[in-house]
């Protein structure tokens, strides 16, 4: 069964950096586009970054643009979310999700996503 697993979350001080990983078991993610989402306490799920299967183009929410970078390593079947300059408002559960669409934007509705991970907690606090 297709499974996505996020890792790399934790407690970090404001201004610090974390790298989240999303990897898949039993299948290759090459044919899928991927989105990173987060759900902050008391808020709905929001997309923060996407990366396309076709051309690896990326897109970012305005709240993270310039601080977060999404990338993929095909040899490791892993997609990363590098998060720099973390702020307390970045505290959330972060999820990765795969889509069969070859192109994604941060405006792409969540209905276009086919598989979701379980999430990893990121807490930004001093």
Foldseek 3Di string as FASTA:
>chain_A
DKAKAKDFADEAAAQAKIKIKIAIPPDAQLQWKKWKWWADVPGDIATAKIAFSPPRDMEGDPVQPPFWDWDDDRVRSMIMIIGGRDDQRVWTWMKMFIANDRDDYSPDDPVRTDDIHPTDTHGYHD
